[in-house]
Structure formats: C-alpha cells, structure tokens
Amino acid sequence: PLRCTGDALRAFHTAIRSSPLNTKNQAMKEQAQGTMLKVLTSFKSSEIEQAVNSLDRNGVDLLMKYIYKGFEKPTENSSAILLQWHEKVCVWCSLGSATLRRVLASALV
C-alpha cells in the first residue's frame, strides 16, 4: 500500500502519464484501469483535492474517464472513494460540464 502522501501522489502522476491512450489492446487498458483504481483508493480523503489540483485539463479529463470506468467495475468500497474523486473533479471544473461532455463524447467513440 502507498503509505505517505508523496508516494501516492507520485504513483498517481505516473499512472496518469503512462495511460495507454491510443491503444486498441484491451488487456493493456484493463491493466492500466486496475493500477489507477489501486492508486485512487490509496489516497486519504484529505489528499484528493491536492491531487486533482495538480493536473491540467487533459489530466483531469483522463482522471474522469478512469473514475467512470471504476464505477462500471466496482470493487469493495471503491465506489465511495470514486465519488469523492468525482466531487473534487467537478469542483475543479466549476461543476464539470465541459469535462463531462468531453469524457462522455470520447466514451461513445
């Protein structure tokens, strides 16, 4: 488990940077999703806002995609944690309408 804030934040940025954005390889996508879910659930509630604020718009869009994917395949207690992430992303985006539209549009493709 990631025990300190710095480790969790480094793992978060590594997972975001290494996301397989343009691959058709489903196994690679699922592995990245699993890794990101582990990283997201390792954060304390009080650390989530700092992590979201450390991203640019593209990073926040990608994070929101991972959050929605996590809702599709929940693990024990992941939905509650993902809801906290979702809330912070929505605050970052001033209610998230543009990010939400981009995420949903790309999910339909």
PDB file of N, CA and C in Angstrom:
ATOM      1  N   PRO A   1       0.819  -1.202   0.000  1.00  0.00           N
ATOM      2  CA  PRO A   1       0.000   0.000   0.000  1.00  0.00           C
ATOM      3  C   PRO A   1       0.861   1.263   0.000  1.00  0.00           C
ATOM      4  N   LEU A   2       0.338   2.287  -0.578  1.00  0.00           N
ATOM      5  CA  LEU A   2       1.038   3.574  -0.605  1.00  0.00           C
ATOM      6  C   LEU A   2       0.731   4.290   0.702  1.00  0.00           C
ATOM      7  N   ARG A   3       1.743   4.517   1.507  1.00  0.00           N
ATOM      8  CA  ARG A   3       1.504   4.988   2.865  1.00  0.00           C
ATOM      9  C   ARG A   3       1.584   6.503   3.034  1.00  0.00           C
ATOM     10  N   CYS A   4       2.437   7.167   2.318  1.00  0.00           N
ATOM     11  CA  CYS A   4       2.543   8.602   2.561  1.00  0.00           C
ATOM     12  C   CYS A   4       2.079   9.373   1.338  1.00  0.00           C
ATOM     13  N   THR A   5       1.687  10.598   1.581  1.00  0.00           N
ATOM     14  CA  THR A   5       1.115  11.442   0.543  1.00  0.00           C
ATOM     15  C   THR A   5       2.018  11.543  -0.670  1.00  0.00           C
ATOM     16  N   GLY A   6       3.300  11.745  -0.483  1.00  0.00           N
ATOM     17  CA  GLY A   6       4.219  11.887  -1.602  1.00  0.00           C
ATOM     18  C   GLY A   6       4.242  10.652  -2.477  1.00  0.00           C
ATOM     19  N   ASP A   7       4.246   9.462  -1.868  1.00  0.00           N
ATOM     20  CA  ASP A   7       4.237   8.212  -2.640  1.00  0.00           C
ATOM     21  C   ASP A   7       2.956   8.075  -3.449  1.00  0.00           C
ATOM     22  N   ALA A   8       1.828   8.377  -2.834  1.00  0.00           N
ATOM     23  CA  ALA A   8       0.544   8.265  -3.523  1.00  0.00           C
ATOM     24  C   ALA A   8       0.480   9.260  -4.680  1.00  0.00           C
ATOM     25  N   LEU A   9       0.940  10.472  -4.446  1.00  0.00           N
ATOM     26  CA  LEU A   9       0.908  11.493  -5.495  1.00  0.00           C
ATOM     27  C   LEU A   9       1.840  11.129  -6.646  1.00  0.00           C
ATOM     28  N   ARG A  10       3.011  10.600  -6.332  1.00  0.00           N
ATOM     29  CA  ARG A  10       3.938  10.150  -7.393  1.00  0.00           C
ATOM     30  C   ARG A  10       3.327   9.000  -8.192  1.00  0.00           C
ATOM     31  N   ALA A  11       2.724   8.052  -7.508  1.00  0.00           N
ATOM     32  CA  ALA A  11       2.080   6.931  -8.190  1.00  0.00           C
ATOM     33  C   ALA A  11       0.925   7.425  -9.063  1.00  0.00           C
ATOM     34  N   PHE A  12       0.184   8.397  -8.573  1.00  0.00           N
ATOM     35  CA  PHE A  12      -0.929   8.990  -9.311  1.00  0.00           C
ATOM     36  C   PHE A  12      -0.430   9.623 -10.619  1.00  0.00           C
ATOM     37  N   HIS A  13       0.610  10.429 -10.527  1.00  0.00           N
ATOM     38  CA  HIS A  13       1.151  11.084 -11.726  1.00  0.00           C
ATOM     39  C   HIS A  13       1.759  10.068 -12.690  1.00  0.00           C
ATOM     40  N   THR A  14       2.400   9.062 -12.160  1.00  0.00           N
ATOM     41  CA  THR A  14       2.960   8.010 -13.016  1.00  0.00           C
ATOM     42  C   THR A  14       1.849   7.275 -13.757  1.00  0.00           C
ATOM     43  N   ALA A  15       0.771   6.950 -13.052  1.00  0.00           N
ATOM     44  CA  ALA A  15      -0.348   6.239 -13.677  1.00  0.00           C
ATOM     45  C   ALA A  15      -1.013   7.108 -14.750  1.00  0.00           C
ATOM     46  N   ILE A  16      -1.167   8.386 -14.482  1.00  0.00           N
ATOM     47  CA  ILE A  16      -1.759   9.296 -15.472  1.00  0.00           C
ATOM     48  C   ILE A  16      -0.856   9.388 -16.702  1.00  0.00           C
ATOM     49  N   ARG A  17       0.441   9.600 -16.477  1.00  0.00           N
ATOM     50  CA  ARG A  17       1.392   9.761 -17.600  1.00  0.00           C
ATOM     51  C   ARG A  17       1.528   8.497 -18.435  1.00  0.00           C
ATOM     52  N   SER A  18       1.395   7.344 -17.822  1.00  0.00           N
ATOM     53  CA  SER A  18       1.620   6.093 -18.552  1.00  0.00           C
ATOM     54  C   SER A  18       0.327   5.466 -19.068  1.00  0.00           C
ATOM     55  N   SER A  19      -0.757   6.219 -19.054  1.00  0.00           N
ATOM     56  CA  SER A  19      -2.035   5.695 -19.546  1.00  0.00           C
ATOM     57  C   SER A  19      -1.946   5.357 -21.025  1.00  0.00           C
ATOM     58  N   PRO A  20      -2.459   4.183 -21.401  1.00  0.00           N
ATOM     59  CA  PRO A  20      -2.422   3.761 -22.809  1.00  0.00           C
ATOM     60  C   PRO A  20      -3.550   4.421 -23.610  1.00  0.00           C
ATOM     61  N   LEU A  21      -3.378   5.690 -23.931  1.00  0.00           N
ATOM     62  CA  LEU A  21      -4.454   6.484 -24.519  1.00  0.00           C
ATOM     63  C   LEU A  21      -4.943   5.979 -25.869  1.00  0.00           C
ATOM     64  N   ASN A  22      -4.034   5.652 -26.754  1.00  0.00           N
ATOM     65  CA  ASN A  22      -4.435   5.342 -28.129  1.00  0.00           C
ATOM     66  C   ASN A  22      -4.296   3.875 -28.496  1.00  0.00           C
ATOM     67  N   THR A  23      -4.249   3.010 -27.515  1.00  0.00           N
ATOM     68  CA  THR A  23      -4.080   1.588 -27.815  1.00  0.00           C
ATOM     69  C   THR A  23      -5.435   0.909 -28.014  1.00  0.00           C
ATOM     70  N   LYS A  24      -5.441  -0.098 -28.820  1.00  0.00           N
ATOM     71  CA  LYS A  24      -6.637  -0.935 -29.000  1.00  0.00           C
ATOM     72  C   LYS A  24      -6.535  -2.197 -28.140  1.00  0.00           C
ATOM     73  N   ASN A  25      -5.383  -2.369 -27.470  1.00  0.00           N
ATOM     74  CA  ASN A  25      -5.115  -3.551 -26.660  1.00  0.00           C
ATOM     75  C   ASN A  25      -5.950  -3.497 -25.377  1.00  0.00           C
ATOM     76  N   GLN A  26      -7.010  -4.307 -25.325  1.00  0.00           N
ATOM     77  CA  GLN A  26      -7.921  -4.284 -24.191  1.00  0.00           C
ATOM     78  C   GLN A  26      -7.246  -4.719 -22.887  1.00  0.00           C
ATOM     79  N   ALA A  27      -6.350  -5.686 -22.965  1.00  0.00           N
ATOM     80  CA  ALA A  27      -5.648  -6.145 -21.757  1.00  0.00           C
ATOM     81  C   ALA A  27      -4.811  -5.020 -21.160  1.00  0.00           C
ATOM     82  N   MET A  28      -4.161  -4.234 -22.012  1.00  0.00           N
ATOM     83  CA  MET A  28      -3.355  -3.105 -21.538  1.00  0.00           C
ATOM     84  C   MET A  28      -4.240  -2.049 -20.883  1.00  0.00           C
ATOM     85  N   LYS A  29      -5.395  -1.796 -21.482  1.00  0.00           N
ATOM     86  CA  LYS A  29      -6.328  -0.822 -20.916  1.00  0.00           C
ATOM     87  C   LYS A  29      -6.833  -1.283 -19.548  1.00  0.00           C
ATOM     88  N   GLU A  30      -7.164  -2.577 -19.449  1.00  0.00           N
ATOM     89  CA  GLU A  30      -7.671  -3.105 -18.183  1.00  0.00           C
ATOM     90  C   GLU A  30      -6.609  -3.095 -17.092  1.00  0.00           C
ATOM     91  N   GLN A  31      -5.365  -3.354 -17.473  1.00  0.00           N
ATOM     92  CA  GLN A  31      -4.277  -3.303 -16.506  1.00  0.00           C
ATOM     93  C   GLN A  31      -4.086  -1.874 -16.003  1.00  0.00           C
ATOM     94  N   ALA A  32      -4.128  -0.917 -16.916  1.00  0.00           N
ATOM     95  CA  ALA A  32      -3.988   0.490 -16.524  1.00  0.00           C
ATOM     96  C   ALA A  32      -5.139   0.907 -15.617  1.00  0.00           C
ATOM     97  N   GLN A  33      -6.356   0.462 -15.936  1.00  0.00           N
ATOM     98  CA  GLN A  33      -7.513   0.782 -15.099  1.00  0.00           C
ATOM     99  C   GLN A  33      -7.347   0.196 -13.702  1.00  0.00           C
ATOM    100  N   GLY A  34      -6.891  -1.040 -13.615  1.00  0.00           N
ATOM    101  CA  GLY A  34      -6.670  -1.661 -12.316  1.00  0.00           C
ATOM    102  C   GLY A  34      -5.625  -0.929 -11.499  1.00  0.00           C
ATOM    103  N   THR A  35      -4.551  -0.538 -12.168  1.00  0.00           N
ATOM    104  CA  THR A  35      -3.495   0.214 -11.485  1.00  0.00           C
ATOM    105  C   THR A  35      -4.029   1.548 -10.977  1.00  0.00           C
ATOM    106  N   MET A  36      -4.759   2.251 -11.848  1.00  0.00           N
ATOM    107  CA  MET A  36      -5.289   3.551 -11.441  1.00  0.00           C
ATOM    108  C   MET A  36      -6.270   3.411 -10.293  1.00  0.00           C
ATOM    109  N   LEU A  37      -7.110   2.380 -10.319  1.00  0.00           N
ATOM    110  CA  LEU A  37      -8.057   2.189  -9.227  1.00  0.00           C
ATOM    111  C   LEU A  37      -7.327   1.955  -7.906  1.00  0.00           C
ATOM    112  N   LYS A  38      -6.256   1.171  -7.942  1.00  0.00           N
ATOM    113  CA  LYS A  38      -5.461   0.953  -6.724  1.00  0.00           C
ATOM    114  C   LYS A  38      -4.868   2.260  -6.224  1.00  0.00           C
ATOM    115  N   VAL A  39      -4.372   3.069  -7.150  1.00  0.00           N
ATOM    116  CA  VAL A  39      -3.778   4.355  -6.769  1.00  0.00           C
ATOM    117  C   VAL A  39      -4.845   5.273  -6.178  1.00  0.00           C
ATOM    118  N   LEU A  40      -5.973   5.401  -6.863  1.00  0.00           N
ATOM    119  CA  LEU A  40      -7.026   6.303  -6.386  1.00  0.00           C
ATOM    120  C   LEU A  40      -7.533   5.896  -5.013  1.00  0.00           C
ATOM    121  N   THR A  41      -7.684   4.603  -4.779  1.00  0.00           N
ATOM    122  CA  THR A  41      -8.206   4.148  -3.488  1.00  0.00           C
ATOM    123  C   THR A  41      -7.157   4.203  -2.376  1.00  0.00           C
ATOM    124  N   SER A  42      -5.908   4.484  -2.728  1.00  0.00           N
ATOM    125  CA  SER A  42      -4.863   4.591  -1.700  1.00  0.00           C
ATOM    126  C   SER A  42      -4.823   5.981  -1.064  1.00  0.00           C
ATOM    127  N   PHE A  43      -5.509   6.942  -1.666  1.00  0.00           N
ATOM    128  CA  PHE A  43      -5.500   8.310  -1.141  1.00  0.00           C
ATOM    129  C   PHE A  43      -6.430   8.448   0.043  1.00  0.00           C
ATOM    130  N   LYS A  44      -6.038   9.290   0.987  1.00  0.00           N
ATOM    131  CA  LYS A  44      -6.930   9.700   2.061  1.00  0.00           C
ATOM    132  C   LYS A  44      -7.851  10.773   1.486  1.00  0.00           C
ATOM    133  N   SER A  45      -9.020  10.896   2.035  1.00  0.00           N
ATOM    134  CA  SER A  45      -9.982  11.901   1.564  1.00  0.00           C
ATOM    135  C   SER A  45      -9.371  13.295   1.528  1.00  0.00           C
ATOM    136  N   SER A  46      -8.575  13.611   2.531  1.00  0.00           N
ATOM    137  CA  SER A  46      -7.985  14.947   2.640  1.00  0.00           C
ATOM    138  C   SER A  46      -6.914  15.214   1.584  1.00  0.00           C
ATOM    139  N   GLU A  47      -6.450  14.181   0.873  1.00  0.00           N
ATOM    140  CA  GLU A  47      -5.383  14.338  -0.114  1.00  0.00           C
ATOM    141  C   GLU A  47      -5.899  14.436  -1.551  1.00  0.00           C
ATOM    142  N   ILE A  48      -7.161  14.136  -1.754  1.00  0.00           N
ATOM    143  CA  ILE A  48      -7.707  14.042  -3.110  1.00  0.00           C
ATOM    144  C   ILE A  48      -7.678  15.391  -3.820  1.00  0.00           C
ATOM    145  N   GLU A  49      -8.082  16.433  -3.142  1.00  0.00           N
ATOM    146  CA  GLU A  49      -8.145  17.757  -3.774  1.00  0.00           C
ATOM    147  C   GLU A  49      -6.769  18.193  -4.291  1.00  0.00           C
ATOM    148  N   GLN A  50      -5.728  17.969  -3.511  1.00  0.00           N
ATOM    149  CA  GLN A  50      -4.370  18.322  -3.934  1.00  0.00           C
ATOM    150  C   GLN A  50      -3.988  17.575  -5.207  1.00  0.00           C
ATOM    151  N   ALA A  51      -4.334  16.309  -5.278  1.00  0.00           N
ATOM    152  CA  ALA A  51      -4.001  15.509  -6.463  1.00  0.00           C
ATOM    153  C   ALA A  51      -4.746  16.025  -7.690  1.00  0.00           C
ATOM    154  N   VAL A  52      -6.035  16.303  -7.551  1.00  0.00           N
ATOM    155  CA  VAL A  52      -6.818  16.818  -8.676  1.00  0.00           C
ATOM    156  C   VAL A  52      -6.258  18.169  -9.123  1.00  0.00           C
ATOM    157  N   ASN A  53      -5.948  19.031  -8.171  1.00  0.00           N
ATOM    158  CA  ASN A  53      -5.431  20.364  -8.493  1.00  0.00           C
ATOM    159  C   ASN A  53      -4.060  20.325  -9.147  1.00  0.00           C
ATOM    160  N   SER A  54      -3.360  19.205  -9.044  1.00  0.00           N
ATOM    161  CA  SER A  54      -2.028  19.100  -9.636  1.00  0.00           C
ATOM    162  C   SER A  54      -2.072  18.766 -11.132  1.00  0.00           C
ATOM    163  N   LEU A  55      -3.270  18.527 -11.662  1.00  0.00           N
ATOM    164  CA  LEU A  55      -3.421  18.139 -13.071  1.00  0.00           C
ATOM    165  C   LEU A  55      -3.805  19.325 -13.947  1.00  0.00           C
ATOM    166  N   ASP A  56      -3.502  19.204 -15.236  1.00  0.00           N
ATOM    167  CA  ASP A  56      -4.020  20.153 -16.218  1.00  0.00           C
ATOM    168  C   ASP A  56      -5.353  19.612 -16.740  1.00  0.00           C
ATOM    169  N   ARG A  57      -5.971  20.324 -17.679  1.00  0.00           N
ATOM    170  CA  ARG A  57      -7.289  19.925 -18.170  1.00  0.00           C
ATOM    171  C   ARG A  57      -7.283  18.528 -18.772  1.00  0.00           C
ATOM    172  N   ASN A  58      -6.261  18.205 -19.561  1.00  0.00           N
ATOM    173  CA  ASN A  58      -6.194  16.872 -20.159  1.00  0.00           C
ATOM    174  C   ASN A  58      -6.072  15.792 -19.096  1.00  0.00           C
ATOM    175  N   GLY A  59      -5.288  16.070 -18.073  1.00  0.00           N
ATOM    176  CA  GLY A  59      -5.153  15.118 -16.972  1.00  0.00           C
ATOM    177  C   GLY A  59      -6.460  14.916 -16.231  1.00  0.00           C
ATOM    178  N   VAL A  60      -7.201  15.999 -16.029  1.00  0.00           N
ATOM    179  CA  VAL A  60      -8.493  15.901 -15.345  1.00  0.00           C
ATOM    180  C   VAL A  60      -9.480  15.125 -16.208  1.00  0.00           C
ATOM    181  N   ASP A  61      -9.467  15.365 -17.525  1.00  0.00           N
ATOM    182  CA  ASP A  61     -10.339  14.597 -18.427  1.00  0.00           C
ATOM    183  C   ASP A  61     -10.035  13.103 -18.328  1.00  0.00           C
ATOM    184  N   LEU A  62      -8.752  12.760 -18.334  1.00  0.00           N
ATOM    185  CA  LEU A  62      -8.344  11.364 -18.239  1.00  0.00           C
ATOM    186  C   LEU A  62      -8.744  10.771 -16.882  1.00  0.00           C
ATOM    187  N   LEU A  63      -8.529  11.528 -15.833  1.00  0.00           N
ATOM    188  CA  LEU A  63      -8.926  11.080 -14.498  1.00  0.00           C
ATOM    189  C   LEU A  63     -10.418  10.785 -14.450  1.00  0.00           C
ATOM    190  N   MET A  64     -11.227  11.656 -15.048  1.00  0.00           N
ATOM    191  CA  MET A  64     -12.676  11.443 -15.037  1.00  0.00           C
ATOM    192  C   MET A  64     -13.033  10.159 -15.798  1.00  0.00           C
ATOM    193  N   LYS A  65     -12.323   9.870 -16.875  1.00  0.00           N
ATOM    194  CA  LYS A  65     -12.567   8.615 -17.597  1.00  0.00           C
ATOM    195  C   LYS A  65     -12.286   7.418 -16.693  1.00  0.00           C
ATOM    196  N   TYR A  66     -11.172   7.487 -15.962  1.00  0.00           N
ATOM    197  CA  TYR A  66     -10.846   6.399 -15.034  1.00  0.00           C
ATOM    198  C   TYR A  66     -11.892   6.276 -13.923  1.00  0.00           C
ATOM    199  N   ILE A  67     -12.388   7.403 -13.440  1.00  0.00           N
ATOM    200  CA  ILE A  67     -13.415   7.364 -12.392  1.00  0.00           C
ATOM    201  C   ILE A  67     -14.658   6.648 -12.907  1.00  0.00           C
ATOM    202  N   TYR A  68     -15.105   7.011 -14.106  1.00  0.00           N
ATOM    203  CA  TYR A  68     -16.304   6.371 -14.662  1.00  0.00           C
ATOM    204  C   TYR A  68     -16.070   4.897 -14.945  1.00  0.00           C
ATOM    205  N   LYS A  69     -14.883   4.542 -15.422  1.00  0.00           N
ATOM    206  CA  LYS A  69     -14.565   3.124 -15.628  1.00  0.00           C
ATOM    207  C   LYS A  69     -14.601   2.383 -14.294  1.00  0.00           C
ATOM    208  N   GLY A  70     -14.115   3.035 -13.245  1.00  0.00           N
ATOM    209  CA  GLY A  70     -14.154   2.426 -11.917  1.00  0.00           C
ATOM    210  C   GLY A  70     -15.571   2.177 -11.427  1.00  0.00           C
ATOM    211  N   PHE A  71     -16.495   3.089 -11.776  1.00  0.00           N
ATOM    212  CA  PHE A  71     -17.899   2.885 -11.409  1.00  0.00           C
ATOM    213  C   PHE A  71     -18.489   1.693 -12.151  1.00  0.00           C
ATOM    214  N   GLU A  72     -18.001   1.427 -13.366  1.00  0.00           N
ATOM    215  CA  GLU A  72     -18.518   0.296 -14.153  1.00  0.00           C
ATOM    216  C   GLU A  72     -18.151  -1.044 -13.528  1.00  0.00           C
ATOM    217  N   LYS A  73     -16.976  -1.119 -12.905  1.00  0.00           N
ATOM    218  CA  LYS A  73     -16.500  -2.371 -12.309  1.00  0.00           C
ATOM    219  C   LYS A  73     -16.044  -2.110 -10.877  1.00  0.00           C
ATOM    220  N   PRO A  74     -16.994  -1.886  -9.979  1.00  0.00           N
ATOM    221  CA  PRO A  74     -16.608  -1.541  -8.608  1.00  0.00           C
ATOM    222  C   PRO A  74     -15.966  -2.709  -7.862  1.00  0.00           C
ATOM    223  N   THR A  75     -15.078  -2.352  -6.976  1.00  0.00           N
ATOM    224  CA  THR A  75     -14.500  -3.306  -6.039  1.00  0.00           C
ATOM    225  C   THR A  75     -14.977  -2.882  -4.648  1.00  0.00           C
ATOM    226  N   GLU A  76     -14.599  -3.640  -3.646  1.00  0.00           N
ATOM    227  CA  GLU A  76     -15.054  -3.335  -2.293  1.00  0.00           C
ATOM    228  C   GLU A  76     -14.676  -1.910  -1.900  1.00  0.00           C
ATOM    229  N   ASN A  77     -15.667  -1.091  -1.601  1.00  0.00           N
ATOM    230  CA  ASN A  77     -15.511   0.278  -1.119  1.00  0.00           C
ATOM    231  C   ASN A  77     -14.992   1.256  -2.178  1.00  0.00           C
ATOM    232  N   SER A  78     -14.776   0.812  -3.423  1.00  0.00           N
ATOM    233  CA  SER A  78     -14.226   1.731  -4.417  1.00  0.00           C
ATOM    234  C   SER A  78     -15.222   2.814  -4.817  1.00  0.00           C
ATOM    235  N   SER A  79     -16.504   2.493  -4.851  1.00  0.00           N
ATOM    236  CA  SER A  79     -17.493   3.493  -5.294  1.00  0.00           C
ATOM    237  C   SER A  79     -17.512   4.711  -4.380  1.00  0.00           C
ATOM    238  N   ALA A  80     -17.435   4.508  -3.092  1.00  0.00           N
ATOM    239  CA  ALA A  80     -17.432   5.631  -2.145  1.00  0.00           C
ATOM    240  C   ALA A  80     -16.209   6.519  -2.360  1.00  0.00           C
ATOM    241  N   ILE A  81     -15.067   5.905  -2.580  1.00  0.00           N
ATOM    242  CA  ILE A  81     -13.839   6.677  -2.808  1.00  0.00           C
ATOM    243  C   ILE A  81     -13.906   7.378  -4.159  1.00  0.00           C
ATOM    244  N   LEU A  82     -14.392   6.679  -5.180  1.00  0.00           N
ATOM    245  CA  LEU A  82     -14.508   7.294  -6.505  1.00  0.00           C
ATOM    246  C   LEU A  82     -15.477   8.469  -6.490  1.00  0.00           C
ATOM    247  N   LEU A  83     -16.532   8.396  -5.683  1.00  0.00           N
ATOM    248  CA  LEU A  83     -17.448   9.533  -5.553  1.00  0.00           C
ATOM    249  C   LEU A  83     -16.735  10.753  -4.984  1.00  0.00           C
ATOM    250  N   GLN A  84     -15.796  10.539  -4.059  1.00  0.00           N
ATOM    251  CA  GLN A  84     -15.023  11.650  -3.512  1.00  0.00           C
ATOM    252  C   GLN A  84     -14.142  12.273  -4.596  1.00  0.00           C
ATOM    253  N   TRP A  85     -13.502  11.418  -5.406  1.00  0.00           N
ATOM    254  CA  TRP A  85     -12.692  11.919  -6.522  1.00  0.00           C
ATOM    255  C   TRP A  85     -13.567  12.699  -7.501  1.00  0.00           C
ATOM    256  N   HIS A  86     -14.739  12.132  -7.818  1.00  0.00           N
ATOM    257  CA  HIS A  86     -15.654  12.774  -8.759  1.00  0.00           C
ATOM    258  C   HIS A  86     -16.058  14.161  -8.255  1.00  0.00           C
ATOM    259  N   GLU A  87     -16.353  14.257  -6.977  1.00  0.00           N
ATOM    260  CA  GLU A  87     -16.735  15.540  -6.393  1.00  0.00           C
ATOM    261  C   GLU A  87     -15.627  16.573  -6.565  1.00  0.00           C
ATOM    262  N   LYS A  88     -14.379  16.178  -6.286  1.00  0.00           N
ATOM    263  CA  LYS A  88     -13.254  17.125  -6.397  1.00  0.00           C
ATOM    264  C   LYS A  88     -13.000  17.523  -7.846  1.00  0.00           C
ATOM    265  N   VAL A  89     -13.179  16.585  -8.773  1.00  0.00           N
ATOM    266  CA  VAL A  89     -13.020  16.914 -10.194  1.00  0.00           C
ATOM    267  C   VAL A  89     -14.097  17.908 -10.609  1.00  0.00           C
ATOM    268  N   CYS A  90     -15.325  17.702 -10.154  1.00  0.00           N
ATOM    269  CA  CYS A  90     -16.413  18.621 -10.505  1.00  0.00           C
ATOM    270  C   CYS A  90     -16.167  20.019  -9.955  1.00  0.00           C
ATOM    271  N   VAL A  91     -15.637  20.108  -8.756  1.00  0.00           N
ATOM    272  CA  VAL A  91     -15.290  21.412  -8.192  1.00  0.00           C
ATOM    273  C   VAL A  91     -14.190  22.061  -9.036  1.00  0.00           C
ATOM    274  N   TRP A  92     -13.175  21.294  -9.407  1.00  0.00           N
ATOM    275  CA  TRP A  92     -12.068  21.795 -10.232  1.00  0.00           C
ATOM    276  C   TRP A  92     -12.600  22.361 -11.543  1.00  0.00           C
ATOM    277  N   CYS A  93     -13.595  21.720 -12.094  1.00  0.00           N
ATOM    278  CA  CYS A  93     -14.136  22.098 -13.409  1.00  0.00           C
ATOM    279  C   CYS A  93     -15.296  23.077 -13.310  1.00  0.00           C
ATOM    280  N   SER A  94     -15.547  23.642 -12.158  1.00  0.00           N
ATOM    281  CA  SER A  94     -16.718  24.510 -11.965  1.00  0.00           C
ATOM    282  C   SER A  94     -17.981  23.782 -12.408  1.00  0.00           C
ATOM    283  N   LEU A  95     -18.248  22.705 -11.761  1.00  0.00           N
ATOM    284  CA  LEU A  95     -19.364  21.792 -11.976  1.00  0.00           C
ATOM    285  C   LEU A  95     -19.122  20.811 -13.108  1.00  0.00           C
ATOM    286  N   GLY A  96     -17.995  20.866 -13.768  1.00  0.00           N
ATOM    287  CA  GLY A  96     -17.577  19.798 -14.647  1.00  0.00           C
ATOM    288  C   GLY A  96     -18.293  19.633 -15.964  1.00  0.00           C
ATOM    289  N   SER A  97     -19.089  20.585 -16.380  1.00  0.00           N
ATOM    290  CA  SER A  97     -19.887  20.359 -17.587  1.00  0.00           C
ATOM    291  C   SER A  97     -19.021  20.128 -18.820  1.00  0.00           C
ATOM    292  N   ALA A  98     -17.987  20.927 -19.025  1.00  0.00           N
ATOM    293  CA  ALA A  98     -17.147  20.754 -20.218  1.00  0.00           C
ATOM    294  C   ALA A  98     -16.372  19.437 -20.142  1.00  0.00           C
ATOM    295  N   THR A  99     -15.796  19.143 -19.008  1.00  0.00           N
ATOM    296  CA  THR A  99     -15.065  17.888 -18.850  1.00  0.00           C
ATOM    297  C   THR A  99     -16.008  16.709 -19.004  1.00  0.00           C
ATOM    298  N   LEU A 100     -17.163  16.796 -18.405  1.00  0.00           N
ATOM    299  CA  LEU A 100     -18.128  15.698 -18.510  1.00  0.00           C
ATOM    300  C   LEU A 100     -18.522  15.467 -19.962  1.00  0.00           C
ATOM    301  N   ARG A 101     -18.781  16.529 -20.704  1.00  0.00           N
ATOM    302  CA  ARG A 101     -19.127  16.384 -22.123  1.00  0.00           C
ATOM    303  C   ARG A 101     -17.996  15.733 -22.901  1.00  0.00           C
ATOM    304  N   ARG A 102     -16.746  16.163 -22.656  1.00  0.00           N
ATOM    305  CA  ARG A 102     -15.599  15.581 -23.367  1.00  0.00           C
ATOM    306  C   ARG A 102     -15.449  14.107 -23.040  1.00  0.00           C
ATOM    307  N   VAL A 103     -15.588  13.750 -21.784  1.00  0.00           N
ATOM    308  CA  VAL A 103     -15.439  12.360 -21.361  1.00  0.00           C
ATOM    309  C   VAL A 103     -16.530  11.497 -21.987  1.00  0.00           C
ATOM    310  N   LEU A 104     -17.760  11.950 -21.905  1.00  0.00           N
ATOM    311  CA  LEU A 104     -18.858  11.166 -22.458  1.00  0.00           C
ATOM    312  C   LEU A 104     -18.757  11.058 -23.981  1.00  0.00           C
ATOM    313  N   ALA A 105     -18.364  12.131 -24.640  1.00  0.00           N
ATOM    314  CA  ALA A 105     -18.218  12.095 -26.101  1.00  0.00           C
ATOM    315  C   ALA A 105     -17.134  11.117 -26.507  1.00  0.00           C
ATOM    316  N   SER A 106     -16.023  11.093 -25.800  1.00  0.00           N
ATOM    317  CA  SER A 106     -14.942  10.182 -26.158  1.00  0.00           C
ATOM    318  C   SER A 106     -15.301   8.738 -25.809  1.00  0.00           C
ATOM    319  N   ALA A 107     -16.151   8.547 -24.834  1.00  0.00           N
ATOM    320  CA  ALA A 107     -16.562   7.188 -24.455  1.00  0.00           C
ATOM    321  C   ALA A 107     -17.483   6.584 -25.500  1.00  0.00           C
ATOM    322  N   LEU A 108     -18.154   7.419 -26.242  1.00  0.00           N
ATOM    323  CA  LEU A 108     -19.084   6.938 -27.250  1.00  0.00           C
ATOM    324  C   LEU A 108     -18.389   6.543 -28.537  1.00  0.00           C
ATOM    325  N   VAL A 109     -17.148   6.945 -28.695  1.00  0.00           N
ATOM    326  CA  VAL A 109     -16.404   6.657 -29.922  1.00  0.00           C
ATOM    327  C   VAL A 109     -15.828   5.264 -29.887  1.00  0.00           C
TER     328      VAL A 109
END
